[in-house]
Amino acid sequence: MHVLIQGKHFDVGDAFRGYIADKLQETCGKYFNHTVQGDVHLIKDSHHHLYRSDISLAVGNGILLRATAEEHE
């Protein structure tokens, strides 16, 4: 599994990056038997006091899973 984890307007520490990678590995391991590739973008919008995450995972056979979540501070 190869996932690029990036933060915008804040630093994604090694512990948080490892936590995200472990959770994705655990979840994808349940449903997919092959290599998963993707991107995780974590964005802090300080103007609106908002955190957003965008996840895109290519799971094979042309299937792209996407998820977005937002939460206020």
C-alpha atoms as a PDB file:
ATOM      1  CA  MET A   1       0.000   0.000   0.000  1.00  0.00           C
ATOM      2  CA  HIS A   2       1.380   3.380  -1.003  1.00  0.00           C
ATOM      3  CA  VAL A   3      -0.433   6.443   0.318  1.00  0.00           C
ATOM      4  CA  LEU A   4       0.821  10.017   0.167  1.00  0.00           C
ATOM      5  CA  ILE A   5      -0.297  11.988   3.245  1.00  0.00           C
ATOM      6  CA  GLN A   6      -0.021  15.780   3.026  1.00  0.00           C
ATOM      7  CA  GLY A   7      -1.109  18.695   5.173  1.00  0.00           C
ATOM      8  CA  LYS A   8      -1.977  22.189   4.004  1.00  0.00           C
ATOM      9  CA  HIS A   9      -1.567  25.064   6.472  1.00  0.00           C
ATOM     10  CA  PHE A  10      -0.345  22.730   9.229  1.00  0.00           C
ATOM     11  CA  ASP A  11       2.317  20.087   9.811  1.00  0.00           C
ATOM     12  CA  VAL A  12       1.251  16.457   9.781  1.00  0.00           C
ATOM     13  CA  GLY A  13       3.541  14.868  12.359  1.00  0.00           C
ATOM     14  CA  ASP A  14       5.032  11.394  12.090  1.00  0.00           C
ATOM     15  CA  ALA A  15       2.709   9.955  14.746  1.00  0.00           C
ATOM     16  CA  PHE A  16      -0.437  11.281  13.021  1.00  0.00           C
ATOM     17  CA  ARG A  17       0.870  10.167   9.610  1.00  0.00           C
ATOM     18  CA  GLY A  18       1.509   6.667  11.024  1.00  0.00           C
ATOM     19  CA  TYR A  19      -1.956   6.543  12.591  1.00  0.00           C
ATOM     20  CA  ILE A  20      -3.604   7.428   9.263  1.00  0.00           C
ATOM     21  CA  ALA A  21      -1.517   4.877   7.354  1.00  0.00           C
ATOM     22  CA  ASP A  22      -2.285   2.126   9.902  1.00  0.00           C
ATOM     23  CA  LYS A  23      -6.045   2.783   9.815  1.00  0.00           C
ATOM     24  CA  LEU A  24      -6.128   2.823   6.019  1.00  0.00           C
ATOM     25  CA  GLN A  25      -4.067  -0.394   5.877  1.00  0.00           C
ATOM     26  CA  GLU A  26      -6.407  -2.079   8.357  1.00  0.00           C
ATOM     27  CA  THR A  27      -9.570  -0.978   6.553  1.00  0.00           C
ATOM     28  CA  CYS A  28      -8.356  -1.670   3.017  1.00  0.00           C
ATOM     29  CA  GLY A  29      -6.933  -5.045   4.093  1.00  0.00           C
ATOM     30  CA  LYS A  30     -10.445  -6.185   4.997  1.00  0.00           C
ATOM     31  CA  TYR A  31     -11.904  -5.559   1.548  1.00  0.00           C
ATOM     32  CA  PHE A  32      -9.063  -5.563  -1.002  1.00  0.00           C
ATOM     33  CA  ASN A  33      -6.414  -8.244  -1.516  1.00  0.00           C
ATOM     34  CA  HIS A  34      -4.085  -6.214  -3.702  1.00  0.00           C
ATOM     35  CA  THR A  35      -1.980  -3.072  -3.492  1.00  0.00           C
ATOM     36  CA  VAL A  36      -3.867   0.144  -2.869  1.00  0.00           C
ATOM     37  CA  GLN A  37      -2.480   3.523  -3.884  1.00  0.00           C
ATOM     38  CA  GLY A  38      -3.802   6.925  -2.991  1.00  0.00           C
ATOM     39  CA  ASP A  39      -3.609  10.395  -1.513  1.00  0.00           C
ATOM     40  CA  VAL A  40      -4.749  11.910   1.767  1.00  0.00           C
ATOM     41  CA  HIS A  41      -4.980  15.695   1.962  1.00  0.00           C
ATOM     42  CA  LEU A  42      -5.559  17.346   5.334  1.00  0.00           C
ATOM     43  CA  ILE A  43      -6.455  21.033   5.148  1.00  0.00           C
ATOM     44  CA  LYS A  44      -6.797  23.626   7.884  1.00  0.00           C
ATOM     45  CA  ASP A  45      -8.885  26.664   6.920  1.00  0.00           C
ATOM     46  CA  SER A  46      -8.176  29.116   9.720  1.00  0.00           C
ATOM     47  CA  HIS A  47     -10.447  31.784   8.205  1.00  0.00           C
ATOM     48  CA  HIS A  48     -13.530  29.574   8.708  1.00  0.00           C
ATOM     49  CA  HIS A  49     -12.078  27.596  11.685  1.00  0.00           C
ATOM     50  CA  LEU A  50     -12.501  24.406   9.689  1.00  0.00           C
ATOM     51  CA  TYR A  51     -10.541  21.184   9.168  1.00  0.00           C
ATOM     52  CA  ARG A  52     -11.131  19.117   6.022  1.00  0.00           C
ATOM     53  CA  SER A  53      -9.801  15.775   4.834  1.00  0.00           C
ATOM     54  CA  ASP A  54      -9.930  14.503   1.271  1.00  0.00           C
ATOM     55  CA  ILE A  55      -9.030  10.870   0.590  1.00  0.00           C
ATOM     56  CA  SER A  56      -8.668   9.243  -2.835  1.00  0.00           C
ATOM     57  CA  LEU A  57      -7.731   5.561  -3.114  1.00  0.00           C
ATOM     58  CA  ALA A  58      -7.191   3.577  -6.317  1.00  0.00           C
ATOM     59  CA  VAL A  59      -8.183   0.039  -5.342  1.00  0.00           C
ATOM     60  CA  GLY A  60      -7.754  -1.686  -8.701  1.00  0.00           C
ATOM     61  CA  ASN A  61      -9.863  -2.605 -11.707  1.00  0.00           C
ATOM     62  CA  GLY A  62     -10.383   1.103 -12.414  1.00  0.00           C
ATOM     63  CA  ILE A  63     -12.162   1.664  -9.087  1.00  0.00           C
ATOM     64  CA  LEU A  64     -11.456   4.966  -7.317  1.00  0.00           C
ATOM     65  CA  LEU A  65     -12.791   5.464  -3.796  1.00  0.00           C
ATOM     66  CA  ARG A  66     -13.176   9.046  -2.602  1.00  0.00           C
ATOM     67  CA  ALA A  67     -14.148  10.436   0.789  1.00  0.00           C
ATOM     68  CA  THR A  68     -14.374  13.943   2.206  1.00  0.00           C
ATOM     69  CA  ALA A  69     -15.048  15.116   5.742  1.00  0.00           C
ATOM     70  CA  GLU A  70     -15.214  18.527   7.414  1.00  0.00           C
ATOM     71  CA  GLU A  71     -15.242  19.509  11.065  1.00  0.00           C
ATOM     72  CA  HIS A  72     -15.222  22.859  12.832  1.00  0.00           C
ATOM     73  CA  GLU A  73     -12.687  23.623  15.544  1.00  0.00           C
END
